[in-house]
Amino acid sequence: MRFNPKARLDTSRVRDVGGSSGSGGGGMIPIPGGRMGGGIGGVVLVIALLVLSQCAGIDLTGVLGGSSTTSSSSSLDGSMFSGTSVDGSSSGGTHDFSSCRTGDDANNSEDCALVAVENSLYDYWSGVLGDRFQPETGVHVFEGQVQTDGCGSATEDVGPFYCPTDQTIYLDTDFYQDMLEGQLGGQDAPFVRAYVIAHEYGHHIQNLLGIMNQVRTQQGADSDSVKLELQADCFAGMWAGSATTASADGEEPLISDLTDQDISDAIGAATTVGDDYIQERTQGGVDEESWTHGSSQQRVTWFKTGMAANNDVDACDTGVGS
């Protein structure tokens, strides 16, 4: 993956929030995994149930035990939720985005490449959705633990996730080496990182389109949770398939080149975060009844479907809510 060296980067939505403390919470939508050793068990189920409580206005306090830090609503418009404030401090932060000014910087820095991928996703989806598009609040890089604005606190155990309440993508960059590469045997390649961000950005698009409030079932191979995740993979594929295409007004794309190896890396990452792959590797067996994200084959298929969608959002209809 190469970026247009002359492209200008916008760092306004990407920040390092360091680490913060806080208690409890849910509603985040993660890439499966994290450092708990798979992420397909109880933690992800709790997350899915809390997403349901936000989407349908259902009080699940008694089911989950303890108190919930999220407020429910029939809409996922971030302005309609209340919660604790994001800890915007940079204490302990190790990522410097202030020097990311051009695509050339992105070609020489992992931090700037993150900014460039976010910028490319912003450009792509604003073009596809037009007036329906609103940018995500930000991509917040954290270490150890982070406090969100409405989804409570989360640790690095969750992995990268999107919080629909504050419309923010949270990214623990250690995820790539420590979990994806270390625990699950995948690889930490530039376009693998891009795929993960594009998948979480796909959740933001679902949020904007009102798809999240159609979620009714949270576990199982045919659940809405799985269909939601597969659609996010499809949306990631839509972006990947058009990332090097000039805009309608002839503006050069921020990403100047994607190789077959880049796409192969993304497909490999989609395989690595499949429920069946993770369960087999961490539990020694597959339990389809507990799936929340879909099988490796499903994730690859829908990513490829998105790549061939020619910017048609309807091509990524996985049947959420049906």
C-alpha atoms as a PDB file:
ATOM      1  CA  MET A   1       0.000   0.000   0.000  1.00  0.00           C
ATOM      2  CA  ARG A   2       1.410   3.354  -1.080  1.00  0.00           C
ATOM      3  CA  PHE A   3       0.004   6.807  -0.491  1.00  0.00           C
ATOM      4  CA  ASN A   4       0.045   9.738  -2.872  1.00  0.00           C
ATOM      5  CA  PRO A   5       3.171  11.540  -1.597  1.00  0.00           C
ATOM      6  CA  LYS A   6       1.742  14.993  -2.379  1.00  0.00           C
ATOM      7  CA  ALA A   7      -1.605  14.434  -0.638  1.00  0.00           C
ATOM      8  CA  ARG A   8      -2.329  16.609   2.376  1.00  0.00           C
ATOM      9  CA  LEU A   9      -3.301  14.868   5.601  1.00  0.00           C
ATOM     10  CA  ASP A  10      -5.912  15.997   8.106  1.00  0.00           C
ATOM     11  CA  THR A  11      -4.971  14.957  11.649  1.00  0.00           C
ATOM     12  CA  SER A  12      -7.963  16.587  13.350  1.00  0.00           C
ATOM     13  CA  ARG A  13      -9.857  13.341  13.977  1.00  0.00           C
ATOM     14  CA  VAL A  14      -6.938  11.119  15.040  1.00  0.00           C
ATOM     15  CA  ARG A  15      -5.460  11.432  18.500  1.00  0.00           C
ATOM     16  CA  ASP A  16      -3.543   9.518  21.140  1.00  0.00           C
ATOM     17  CA  VAL A  17      -5.562   9.563  24.367  1.00  0.00           C
ATOM     18  CA  GLY A  18      -2.963   7.600  26.332  1.00  0.00           C
ATOM     19  CA  GLY A  19      -4.542   5.527  29.081  1.00  0.00           C
ATOM     20  CA  SER A  20      -7.339   6.246  31.510  1.00  0.00           C
ATOM     21  CA  SER A  21      -9.234   4.583  34.296  1.00  0.00           C
ATOM     22  CA  GLY A  22     -12.928   4.032  34.824  1.00  0.00           C
ATOM     23  CA  SER A  23     -15.439   1.377  35.733  1.00  0.00           C
ATOM     24  CA  GLY A  24     -17.713  -0.892  33.767  1.00  0.00           C
ATOM     25  CA  GLY A  25     -19.566  -0.270  30.586  1.00  0.00           C
ATOM     26  CA  GLY A  26     -20.574  -1.767  27.297  1.00  0.00           C
ATOM     27  CA  GLY A  27     -22.005  -1.080  23.913  1.00  0.00           C
ATOM     28  CA  MET A  28     -18.703  -1.146  22.059  1.00  0.00           C
ATOM     29  CA  ILE A  29     -18.482  -3.274  18.926  1.00  0.00           C
ATOM     30  CA  PRO A  30     -15.057  -4.945  18.716  1.00  0.00           C
ATOM     31  CA  ILE A  31     -12.990  -6.943  16.313  1.00  0.00           C
ATOM     32  CA  PRO A  32     -13.082 -10.339  18.069  1.00  0.00           C
ATOM     33  CA  GLY A  33     -10.033 -11.306  20.043  1.00  0.00           C
ATOM     34  CA  GLY A  34      -8.098  -9.102  22.396  1.00  0.00           C
ATOM     35  CA  ARG A  35      -5.885 -10.487  25.098  1.00  0.00           C
ATOM     36  CA  MET A  36      -8.521 -12.508  26.886  1.00  0.00           C
ATOM     37  CA  GLY A  37      -7.700 -15.359  24.545  1.00  0.00           C
ATOM     38  CA  GLY A  38     -10.311 -15.321  21.811  1.00  0.00           C
ATOM     39  CA  GLY A  39     -12.990 -12.910  22.909  1.00  0.00           C
ATOM     40  CA  ILE A  40     -15.854 -15.158  21.810  1.00  0.00           C
ATOM     41  CA  GLY A  41     -17.076 -15.987  25.277  1.00  0.00           C
ATOM     42  CA  GLY A  42     -18.887 -14.038  27.970  1.00  0.00           C
ATOM     43  CA  VAL A  43     -17.311 -10.633  27.409  1.00  0.00           C
ATOM     44  CA  VAL A  44     -18.467 -10.404  23.794  1.00  0.00           C
ATOM     45  CA  LEU A  45     -21.928 -11.676  24.775  1.00  0.00           C
ATOM     46  CA  VAL A  46     -22.203  -8.901  27.353  1.00  0.00           C
ATOM     47  CA  ILE A  47     -21.130  -6.387  24.712  1.00  0.00           C
ATOM     48  CA  ALA A  48     -23.759  -7.715  22.313  1.00  0.00           C
ATOM     49  CA  LEU A  49     -26.479  -7.550  24.944  1.00  0.00           C
ATOM     50  CA  LEU A  50     -25.553  -3.985  25.781  1.00  0.00           C
ATOM     51  CA  VAL A  51     -25.716  -3.077  22.089  1.00  0.00           C
ATOM     52  CA  LEU A  52     -29.245  -4.510  22.133  1.00  0.00           C
ATOM     53  CA  SER A  53     -30.124  -2.402  25.153  1.00  0.00           C
ATOM     54  CA  GLN A  54     -29.006   0.729  23.302  1.00  0.00           C
ATOM     55  CA  CYS A  55     -30.723  -0.192  20.056  1.00  0.00           C
ATOM     56  CA  ALA A  56     -34.083  -1.259  21.463  1.00  0.00           C
ATOM     57  CA  GLY A  57     -34.302   0.700  24.717  1.00  0.00           C
ATOM     58  CA  ILE A  58     -34.324  -2.500  26.799  1.00  0.00           C
ATOM     59  CA  ASP A  59     -33.091  -2.474  30.386  1.00  0.00           C
ATOM     60  CA  LEU A  60     -30.768  -5.468  30.745  1.00  0.00           C
ATOM     61  CA  THR A  61     -29.363  -4.573  34.153  1.00  0.00           C
ATOM     62  CA  GLY A  62     -30.967  -7.558  35.800  1.00  0.00           C
ATOM     63  CA  VAL A  63     -29.683  -9.932  33.144  1.00  0.00           C
ATOM     64  CA  LEU A  64     -26.113  -8.689  33.203  1.00  0.00           C
ATOM     65  CA  GLY A  65     -25.799  -8.032  36.912  1.00  0.00           C
ATOM     66  CA  GLY A  66     -24.675  -4.724  38.354  1.00  0.00           C
ATOM     67  CA  SER A  67     -25.415  -1.365  36.835  1.00  0.00           C
ATOM     68  CA  SER A  68     -25.085  -0.214  33.274  1.00  0.00           C
ATOM     69  CA  THR A  69     -23.253   2.974  32.405  1.00  0.00           C
ATOM     70  CA  THR A  70     -25.074   3.375  29.107  1.00  0.00           C
ATOM     71  CA  SER A  71     -28.340   5.185  28.558  1.00  0.00           C
ATOM     72  CA  SER A  72     -30.811   3.595  26.153  1.00  0.00           C
ATOM     73  CA  SER A  73     -32.574   5.102  23.187  1.00  0.00           C
ATOM     74  CA  SER A  74     -34.379   3.930  20.083  1.00  0.00           C
ATOM     75  CA  SER A  75     -31.843   5.849  17.988  1.00  0.00           C
ATOM     76  CA  LEU A  76     -28.090   5.510  17.744  1.00  0.00           C
ATOM     77  CA  ASP A  77     -27.497   9.175  17.020  1.00  0.00           C
ATOM     78  CA  GLY A  78     -24.612   9.966  19.347  1.00  0.00           C
ATOM     79  CA  SER A  79     -26.201  13.279  20.302  1.00  0.00           C
ATOM     80  CA  MET A  80     -29.068  11.425  21.998  1.00  0.00           C
ATOM     81  CA  PHE A  81     -26.881   9.603  24.509  1.00  0.00           C
ATOM     82  CA  SER A  82     -25.269  10.751  27.697  1.00  0.00           C
ATOM     83  CA  GLY A  83     -22.217   9.330  29.359  1.00  0.00           C
ATOM     84  CA  THR A  84     -18.880  10.058  30.913  1.00  0.00           C
ATOM     85  CA  SER A  85     -16.521  12.340  29.084  1.00  0.00           C
ATOM     86  CA  VAL A  86     -13.667  11.017  27.034  1.00  0.00           C
ATOM     87  CA  ASP A  87     -10.370  11.397  28.777  1.00  0.00           C
ATOM     88  CA  GLY A  88      -8.608  13.497  26.187  1.00  0.00           C
ATOM     89  CA  SER A  89      -5.312  13.632  28.019  1.00  0.00           C
ATOM     90  CA  SER A  90      -2.223  12.292  26.351  1.00  0.00           C
ATOM     91  CA  SER A  91      -0.603  10.995  29.513  1.00  0.00           C
ATOM     92  CA  GLY A  92       1.485   7.991  28.611  1.00  0.00           C
ATOM     93  CA  GLY A  93       0.751   8.468  24.911  1.00  0.00           C
ATOM     94  CA  THR A  94       3.467   7.293  22.533  1.00  0.00           C
ATOM     95  CA  HIS A  95       1.987   8.181  19.144  1.00  0.00           C
ATOM     96  CA  ASP A  96       2.768  11.530  17.559  1.00  0.00           C
ATOM     97  CA  PHE A  97       0.373  12.522  14.784  1.00  0.00           C
ATOM     98  CA  SER A  98       1.282  16.216  14.760  1.00  0.00           C
ATOM     99  CA  SER A  99       4.034  15.730  12.191  1.00  0.00           C
ATOM    100  CA  CYS A 100       1.767  13.897   9.724  1.00  0.00           C
ATOM    101  CA  ARG A 101       1.288  16.389   6.914  1.00  0.00           C
ATOM    102  CA  THR A 102       1.587  14.556   3.594  1.00  0.00           C
ATOM    103  CA  GLY A 103       1.166  11.185   1.968  1.00  0.00           C
ATOM    104  CA  ASP A 104       4.949  10.975   1.893  1.00  0.00           C
ATOM    105  CA  ASP A 105       4.893  11.094   5.690  1.00  0.00           C
ATOM    106  CA  ALA A 106       2.377   8.248   5.632  1.00  0.00           C
ATOM    107  CA  ASN A 107       4.694   6.193   3.452  1.00  0.00           C
ATOM    108  CA  ASN A 108       7.412   6.506   6.081  1.00  0.00           C
ATOM    109  CA  SER A 109       5.514   6.347   9.385  1.00  0.00           C
ATOM    110  CA  GLU A 110       2.992   3.876  10.825  1.00  0.00           C
ATOM    111  CA  ASP A 111       1.353   6.689  12.790  1.00  0.00           C
ATOM    112  CA  CYS A 112       0.934   8.813   9.682  1.00  0.00           C
ATOM    113  CA  ALA A 113      -0.298   5.783   7.732  1.00  0.00           C
ATOM    114  CA  LEU A 114      -3.107   5.467  10.289  1.00  0.00           C
ATOM    115  CA  VAL A 115      -4.035   9.103   9.646  1.00  0.00           C
ATOM    116  CA  ALA A 116      -3.935   8.540   5.901  1.00  0.00           C
ATOM    117  CA  VAL A 117      -6.194   5.466   6.102  1.00  0.00           C
ATOM    118  CA  GLU A 118      -8.708   7.415   8.196  1.00  0.00           C
ATOM    119  CA  ASN A 119      -8.580  10.279   5.699  1.00  0.00           C
ATOM    120  CA  SER A 120      -9.120   7.864   2.818  1.00  0.00           C
ATOM    121  CA  LEU A 121     -12.127   6.296   4.564  1.00  0.00           C
ATOM    122  CA  TYR A 122     -13.539   9.752   5.253  1.00  0.00           C
ATOM    123  CA  ASP A 123     -13.131  10.765   1.602  1.00  0.00           C
ATOM    124  CA  TYR A 124     -14.615   7.523   0.297  1.00  0.00           C
ATOM    125  CA  TRP A 125     -17.706   7.355   2.480  1.00  0.00           C
ATOM    126  CA  SER A 126     -18.491  11.060   2.181  1.00  0.00           C
ATOM    127  CA  GLY A 127     -18.604  10.505  -1.564  1.00  0.00           C
ATOM    128  CA  VAL A 128     -20.752   7.367  -1.357  1.00  0.00           C
ATOM    129  CA  LEU A 129     -23.273   8.655   1.203  1.00  0.00           C
ATOM    130  CA  GLY A 130     -23.388  12.316   0.239  1.00  0.00           C
ATOM    131  CA  ASP A 131     -25.706  14.281   2.543  1.00  0.00           C
ATOM    132  CA  ARG A 132     -26.218  11.214   4.736  1.00  0.00           C
ATOM    133  CA  PHE A 133     -22.564  11.199   5.734  1.00  0.00           C
ATOM    134  CA  GLN A 134     -21.268  12.536   9.015  1.00  0.00           C
ATOM    135  CA  PRO A 135     -17.655  11.977  10.039  1.00  0.00           C
ATOM    136  CA  GLU A 136     -16.856   9.835  13.011  1.00  0.00           C
ATOM    137  CA  THR A 137     -15.942  11.820  16.111  1.00  0.00           C
ATOM    138  CA  GLY A 138     -12.452  10.441  15.922  1.00  0.00           C
ATOM    139  CA  VAL A 139     -10.030   7.541  15.930  1.00  0.00           C
ATOM    140  CA  HIS A 140      -8.604   7.387  19.435  1.00  0.00           C
ATOM    141  CA  VAL A 141      -5.450   5.399  20.028  1.00  0.00           C
ATOM    142  CA  PHE A 142      -5.068   4.183  23.604  1.00  0.00           C
ATOM    143  CA  GLU A 143      -2.876   2.059  25.823  1.00  0.00           C
ATOM    144  CA  GLY A 144      -4.049  -0.269  28.539  1.00  0.00           C
ATOM    145  CA  GLN A 145      -7.482   1.193  29.245  1.00  0.00           C
ATOM    146  CA  VAL A 146      -9.670   3.932  27.829  1.00  0.00           C
ATOM    147  CA  GLN A 147     -12.757   5.791  29.011  1.00  0.00           C
ATOM    148  CA  THR A 148     -15.367   6.358  26.316  1.00  0.00           C
ATOM    149  CA  ASP A 149     -18.238   8.802  26.198  1.00  0.00           C
ATOM    150  CA  GLY A 150     -21.180   6.469  26.720  1.00  0.00           C
ATOM    151  CA  CYS A 151     -19.785   2.940  26.324  1.00  0.00           C
ATOM    152  CA  GLY A 152     -18.035   2.991  29.695  1.00  0.00           C
ATOM    153  CA  SER A 153     -14.407   1.962  29.996  1.00  0.00           C
ATOM    154  CA  ALA A 154     -12.618  -0.703  27.986  1.00  0.00           C
ATOM    155  CA  THR A 155      -9.251  -2.388  28.253  1.00  0.00           C
ATOM    156  CA  GLU A 156      -6.853  -3.684  25.649  1.00  0.00           C
ATOM    157  CA  ASP A 157      -8.497  -7.103  26.171  1.00  0.00           C
ATOM    158  CA  VAL A 158     -11.383  -5.990  23.961  1.00  0.00           C
ATOM    159  CA  GLY A 159      -9.260  -5.189  20.923  1.00  0.00           C
ATOM    160  CA  PRO A 160     -10.138  -2.392  18.463  1.00  0.00           C
ATOM    161  CA  PHE A 161     -13.784  -1.332  18.745  1.00  0.00           C
ATOM    162  CA  TYR A 162     -16.373   1.232  17.693  1.00  0.00           C
ATOM    163  CA  CYS A 163     -18.556   2.956  20.259  1.00  0.00           C
ATOM    164  CA  PRO A 164     -21.850   3.999  18.609  1.00  0.00           C
ATOM    165  CA  THR A 165     -22.696   6.303  21.494  1.00  0.00           C
ATOM    166  CA  ASP A 166     -19.809   8.711  20.941  1.00  0.00           C
ATOM    167  CA  GLN A 167     -19.279   7.652  17.312  1.00  0.00           C
ATOM    168  CA  THR A 168     -15.601   6.983  17.946  1.00  0.00           C
ATOM    169  CA  ILE A 169     -13.227   4.221  16.883  1.00  0.00           C
ATOM    170  CA  TYR A 170     -10.889   3.087  19.663  1.00  0.00           C
ATOM    171  CA  LEU A 171      -7.652   1.416  18.685  1.00  0.00           C
ATOM    172  CA  ASP A 172      -5.092  -0.333  20.843  1.00  0.00           C
ATOM    173  CA  THR A 173      -2.223  -0.582  18.373  1.00  0.00           C
ATOM    174  CA  ASP A 174      -0.566  -3.384  20.371  1.00  0.00           C
ATOM    175  CA  PHE A 175      -3.473  -5.544  19.168  1.00  0.00           C
ATOM    176  CA  TYR A 176      -1.769  -6.233  15.860  1.00  0.00           C
ATOM    177  CA  GLN A 177       1.382  -7.816  17.240  1.00  0.00           C
ATOM    178  CA  ASP A 178       0.233  -9.103  20.624  1.00  0.00           C
ATOM    179  CA  MET A 179      -3.062 -10.697  19.575  1.00  0.00           C
ATOM    180  CA  LEU A 180      -3.503 -10.864  15.820  1.00  0.00           C
ATOM    181  CA  GLU A 181       0.049 -11.967  15.122  1.00  0.00           C
ATOM    182  CA  GLY A 182       1.089 -13.419  18.489  1.00  0.00           C
ATOM    183  CA  GLN A 183      -1.960 -15.302  19.770  1.00  0.00           C
ATOM    184  CA  LEU A 184      -3.803 -16.036  16.534  1.00  0.00           C
ATOM    185  CA  GLY A 185      -0.896 -16.578  14.171  1.00  0.00           C
ATOM    186  CA  GLY A 186      -1.879 -13.844  11.718  1.00  0.00           C
ATOM    187  CA  GLN A 187       0.412 -11.160  10.406  1.00  0.00           C
ATOM    188  CA  ASP A 188       0.970  -7.511  11.168  1.00  0.00           C
ATOM    189  CA  ALA A 189       1.090  -5.955   7.695  1.00  0.00           C
ATOM    190  CA  PRO A 190       0.187  -2.401   6.616  1.00  0.00           C
ATOM    191  CA  PHE A 191      -3.055  -3.342   4.901  1.00  0.00           C
ATOM    192  CA  VAL A 192      -4.033  -5.631   7.772  1.00  0.00           C
ATOM    193  CA  ARG A 193      -4.046  -2.508   9.931  1.00  0.00           C
ATOM    194  CA  ALA A 194      -6.057  -0.713   7.282  1.00  0.00           C
ATOM    195  CA  TYR A 195      -8.608  -3.553   7.122  1.00  0.00           C
ATOM    196  CA  VAL A 196      -9.174  -3.427  10.885  1.00  0.00           C
ATOM    197  CA  ILE A 197      -9.785   0.338  10.810  1.00  0.00           C
ATOM    198  CA  ALA A 198     -12.008   0.014   7.726  1.00  0.00           C
ATOM    199  CA  HIS A 199     -14.094  -2.666   9.469  1.00  0.00           C
ATOM    200  CA  GLU A 200     -14.678  -0.437  12.486  1.00  0.00           C
ATOM    201  CA  TYR A 201     -15.443   2.470  10.145  1.00  0.00           C
ATOM    202  CA  GLY A 202     -18.025   0.163   8.613  1.00  0.00           C
ATOM    203  CA  HIS A 203     -19.769   0.091  11.979  1.00  0.00           C
ATOM    204  CA  HIS A 204     -19.879   3.875  11.893  1.00  0.00           C
ATOM    205  CA  ILE A 205     -21.581   3.723   8.502  1.00  0.00           C
ATOM    206  CA  GLN A 206     -24.110   1.241   9.927  1.00  0.00           C
ATOM    207  CA  ASN A 207     -24.711   3.695  12.746  1.00  0.00           C
ATOM    208  CA  LEU A 208     -25.372   6.538  10.309  1.00  0.00           C
ATOM    209  CA  LEU A 209     -27.725   4.423   8.205  1.00  0.00           C
ATOM    210  CA  GLY A 210     -29.762   3.225  11.208  1.00  0.00           C
ATOM    211  CA  ILE A 211     -28.832  -0.418  10.654  1.00  0.00           C
ATOM    212  CA  MET A 212     -27.671  -0.995  14.230  1.00  0.00           C
ATOM    213  CA  ASN A 213     -31.128  -0.433  15.651  1.00  0.00           C
ATOM    214  CA  GLN A 214     -32.335  -3.429  13.631  1.00  0.00           C
ATOM    215  CA  VAL A 215     -30.247  -5.850  15.693  1.00  0.00           C
ATOM    216  CA  ARG A 216     -32.422  -8.312  17.618  1.00  0.00           C
ATOM    217  CA  THR A 217     -30.421 -11.527  18.069  1.00  0.00           C
ATOM    218  CA  GLN A 218     -26.910 -11.567  19.495  1.00  0.00           C
ATOM    219  CA  GLN A 219     -25.468 -15.072  19.208  1.00  0.00           C
ATOM    220  CA  GLY A 220     -25.443 -17.905  16.727  1.00  0.00           C
ATOM    221  CA  ALA A 221     -24.360 -18.413  13.127  1.00  0.00           C
ATOM    222  CA  ASP A 222     -27.547 -16.781  11.792  1.00  0.00           C
ATOM    223  CA  SER A 223     -27.807 -14.013  14.396  1.00  0.00           C
ATOM    224  CA  ASP A 224     -28.121 -10.319  13.682  1.00  0.00           C
ATOM    225  CA  SER A 225     -24.817  -9.811  15.473  1.00  0.00           C
ATOM    226  CA  VAL A 226     -23.050 -11.991  12.905  1.00  0.00           C
ATOM    227  CA  LYS A 227     -24.890 -10.295  10.041  1.00  0.00           C
ATOM    228  CA  LEU A 228     -23.868  -6.879  11.398  1.00  0.00           C
ATOM    229  CA  GLU A 229     -20.206  -7.896  11.506  1.00  0.00           C
ATOM    230  CA  LEU A 230     -20.274  -9.421   8.030  1.00  0.00           C
ATOM    231  CA  GLN A 231     -21.777  -6.225   6.671  1.00  0.00           C
ATOM    232  CA  ALA A 232     -18.964  -4.212   8.301  1.00  0.00           C
ATOM    233  CA  ASP A 233     -16.524  -6.512   6.482  1.00  0.00           C
ATOM    234  CA  CYS A 234     -18.414  -5.855   3.248  1.00  0.00           C
ATOM    235  CA  PHE A 235     -18.229  -2.100   3.821  1.00  0.00           C
ATOM    236  CA  ALA A 236     -14.482  -2.462   4.421  1.00  0.00           C
ATOM    237  CA  GLY A 237     -14.278  -4.285   1.095  1.00  0.00           C
ATOM    238  CA  MET A 238     -16.216  -1.508  -0.648  1.00  0.00           C
ATOM    239  CA  TRP A 239     -13.601   0.985   0.445  1.00  0.00           C
ATOM    240  CA  ALA A 240     -10.708  -1.325  -0.470  1.00  0.00           C
ATOM    241  CA  GLY A 241     -12.154  -1.893  -3.927  1.00  0.00           C
ATOM    242  CA  SER A 242     -12.332   1.829  -4.677  1.00  0.00           C
ATOM    243  CA  ALA A 243      -9.529   3.274  -2.543  1.00  0.00           C
ATOM    244  CA  THR A 244      -7.271   3.924  -5.532  1.00  0.00           C
ATOM    245  CA  THR A 245     -10.007   5.395  -7.757  1.00  0.00           C
ATOM    246  CA  ALA A 246     -10.152   9.118  -8.424  1.00  0.00           C
ATOM    247  CA  SER A 247     -13.205  10.981  -7.120  1.00  0.00           C
ATOM    248  CA  ALA A 248     -16.058  12.067  -9.377  1.00  0.00           C
ATOM    249  CA  ASP A 249     -14.522  15.530  -9.654  1.00  0.00           C
ATOM    250  CA  GLY A 250     -11.205  14.063 -10.743  1.00  0.00           C
ATOM    251  CA  GLU A 251      -9.360  14.528  -7.451  1.00  0.00           C
ATOM    252  CA  GLU A 252      -6.504  12.072  -7.049  1.00  0.00           C
ATOM    253  CA  PRO A 253      -7.065   9.376  -4.411  1.00  0.00           C
ATOM    254  CA  LEU A 254      -5.018   9.472  -1.247  1.00  0.00           C
ATOM    255  CA  ILE A 255      -4.017   5.817  -1.734  1.00  0.00           C
ATOM    256  CA  SER A 256      -2.070   5.563  -4.972  1.00  0.00           C
ATOM    257  CA  ASP A 257      -1.419   1.829  -5.044  1.00  0.00           C
ATOM    258  CA  LEU A 258      -2.812  -1.383  -3.548  1.00  0.00           C
ATOM    259  CA  THR A 259      -1.091  -4.602  -4.537  1.00  0.00           C
ATOM    260  CA  ASP A 260      -2.478  -8.109  -4.785  1.00  0.00           C
ATOM    261  CA  GLN A 261      -0.423  -8.855  -1.674  1.00  0.00           C
ATOM    262  CA  ASP A 262      -2.196  -6.065   0.229  1.00  0.00           C
ATOM    263  CA  ILE A 263      -5.579  -7.578  -0.597  1.00  0.00           C
ATOM    264  CA  SER A 264      -4.275 -11.033   0.277  1.00  0.00           C
ATOM    265  CA  ASP A 265      -3.111  -9.671   3.642  1.00  0.00           C
ATOM    266  CA  ALA A 266      -6.587  -8.250   4.331  1.00  0.00           C
ATOM    267  CA  ILE A 267      -8.221 -11.548   3.398  1.00  0.00           C
ATOM    268  CA  GLY A 268      -5.785 -13.332   5.697  1.00  0.00           C
ATOM    269  CA  ALA A 269      -6.761 -10.989   8.527  1.00  0.00           C
ATOM    270  CA  ALA A 270     -10.469 -11.639   7.869  1.00  0.00           C
ATOM    271  CA  THR A 271      -9.723 -15.351   8.127  1.00  0.00           C
ATOM    272  CA  THR A 272      -7.824 -14.909  11.373  1.00  0.00           C
ATOM    273  CA  VAL A 273     -10.697 -13.113  13.130  1.00  0.00           C
ATOM    274  CA  GLY A 274     -13.376 -15.615  12.124  1.00  0.00           C
ATOM    275  CA  ASP A 275     -15.285 -17.138  15.046  1.00  0.00           C
ATOM    276  CA  ASP A 276     -14.521 -20.706  13.965  1.00  0.00           C
ATOM    277  CA  TYR A 277     -10.808 -19.997  13.530  1.00  0.00           C
ATOM    278  CA  ILE A 278     -10.520 -18.307  16.918  1.00  0.00           C
ATOM    279  CA  GLN A 279     -12.531 -21.006  18.708  1.00  0.00           C
ATOM    280  CA  GLU A 280     -10.534 -23.824  17.134  1.00  0.00           C
ATOM    281  CA  ARG A 281      -7.244 -22.151  18.022  1.00  0.00           C
ATOM    282  CA  THR A 282      -8.148 -21.130  21.576  1.00  0.00           C
ATOM    283  CA  GLN A 283     -10.714 -23.753  22.626  1.00  0.00           C
ATOM    284  CA  GLY A 284      -9.917 -26.756  20.440  1.00  0.00           C
ATOM    285  CA  GLY A 285     -13.431 -26.893  18.974  1.00  0.00           C
ATOM    286  CA  VAL A 286     -16.152 -24.878  17.239  1.00  0.00           C
ATOM    287  CA  ASP A 287     -19.478 -23.867  18.788  1.00  0.00           C
ATOM    288  CA  GLU A 288     -21.664 -22.123  16.198  1.00  0.00           C
ATOM    289  CA  GLU A 289     -24.277 -21.256  18.828  1.00  0.00           C
ATOM    290  CA  SER A 290     -21.873 -18.772  20.415  1.00  0.00           C
ATOM    291  CA  TRP A 291     -20.766 -17.027  17.218  1.00  0.00           C
ATOM    292  CA  THR A 292     -20.987 -13.241  17.156  1.00  0.00           C
ATOM    293  CA  HIS A 293     -18.868 -12.300  14.124  1.00  0.00           C
ATOM    294  CA  GLY A 294     -19.155 -15.108  11.572  1.00  0.00           C
ATOM    295  CA  SER A 295     -16.885 -17.791  10.207  1.00  0.00           C
ATOM    296  CA  SER A 296     -13.590 -17.130   8.441  1.00  0.00           C
ATOM    297  CA  GLN A 297     -15.126 -18.085   5.109  1.00  0.00           C
ATOM    298  CA  GLN A 298     -18.105 -15.798   5.636  1.00  0.00           C
ATOM    299  CA  ARG A 299     -15.878 -12.867   6.533  1.00  0.00           C
ATOM    300  CA  VAL A 300     -13.687 -13.373   3.472  1.00  0.00           C
ATOM    301  CA  THR A 301     -16.725 -13.811   1.204  1.00  0.00           C
ATOM    302  CA  TRP A 302     -18.364 -10.595   2.352  1.00  0.00           C
ATOM    303  CA  PHE A 303     -15.100  -8.631   2.145  1.00  0.00           C
ATOM    304  CA  LYS A 304     -14.780  -9.790  -1.463  1.00  0.00           C
ATOM    305  CA  THR A 305     -18.448  -8.970  -2.075  1.00  0.00           C
ATOM    306  CA  GLY A 306     -17.755  -5.419  -0.979  1.00  0.00           C
ATOM    307  CA  MET A 307     -14.735  -5.151  -3.257  1.00  0.00           C
ATOM    308  CA  ALA A 308     -16.949  -6.033  -6.223  1.00  0.00           C
ATOM    309  CA  ALA A 309     -19.892  -3.851  -5.118  1.00  0.00           C
ATOM    310  CA  ASN A 310     -18.946  -0.836  -7.244  1.00  0.00           C
ATOM    311  CA  ASN A 311     -19.944   1.561  -4.448  1.00  0.00           C
ATOM    312  CA  ASP A 312     -23.424   0.020  -4.113  1.00  0.00           C
ATOM    313  CA  VAL A 313     -24.298  -0.076  -0.409  1.00  0.00           C
ATOM    314  CA  ASP A 314     -27.244  -2.399  -1.115  1.00  0.00           C
ATOM    315  CA  ALA A 315     -24.797  -5.058  -2.308  1.00  0.00           C
ATOM    316  CA  CYS A 316     -23.730  -5.381   1.331  1.00  0.00           C
ATOM    317  CA  ASP A 317     -27.213  -6.256   2.621  1.00  0.00           C
ATOM    318  CA  THR A 318     -26.552  -9.220   4.907  1.00  0.00           C
ATOM    319  CA  GLY A 319     -30.122  -9.308   6.227  1.00  0.00           C
ATOM    320  CA  VAL A 320     -29.688  -7.597   9.593  1.00  0.00           C
ATOM    321  CA  GLY A 321     -33.055  -7.677  11.352  1.00  0.00           C
ATOM    322  CA  SER A 322     -34.707 -10.002   8.858  1.00  0.00           C
END
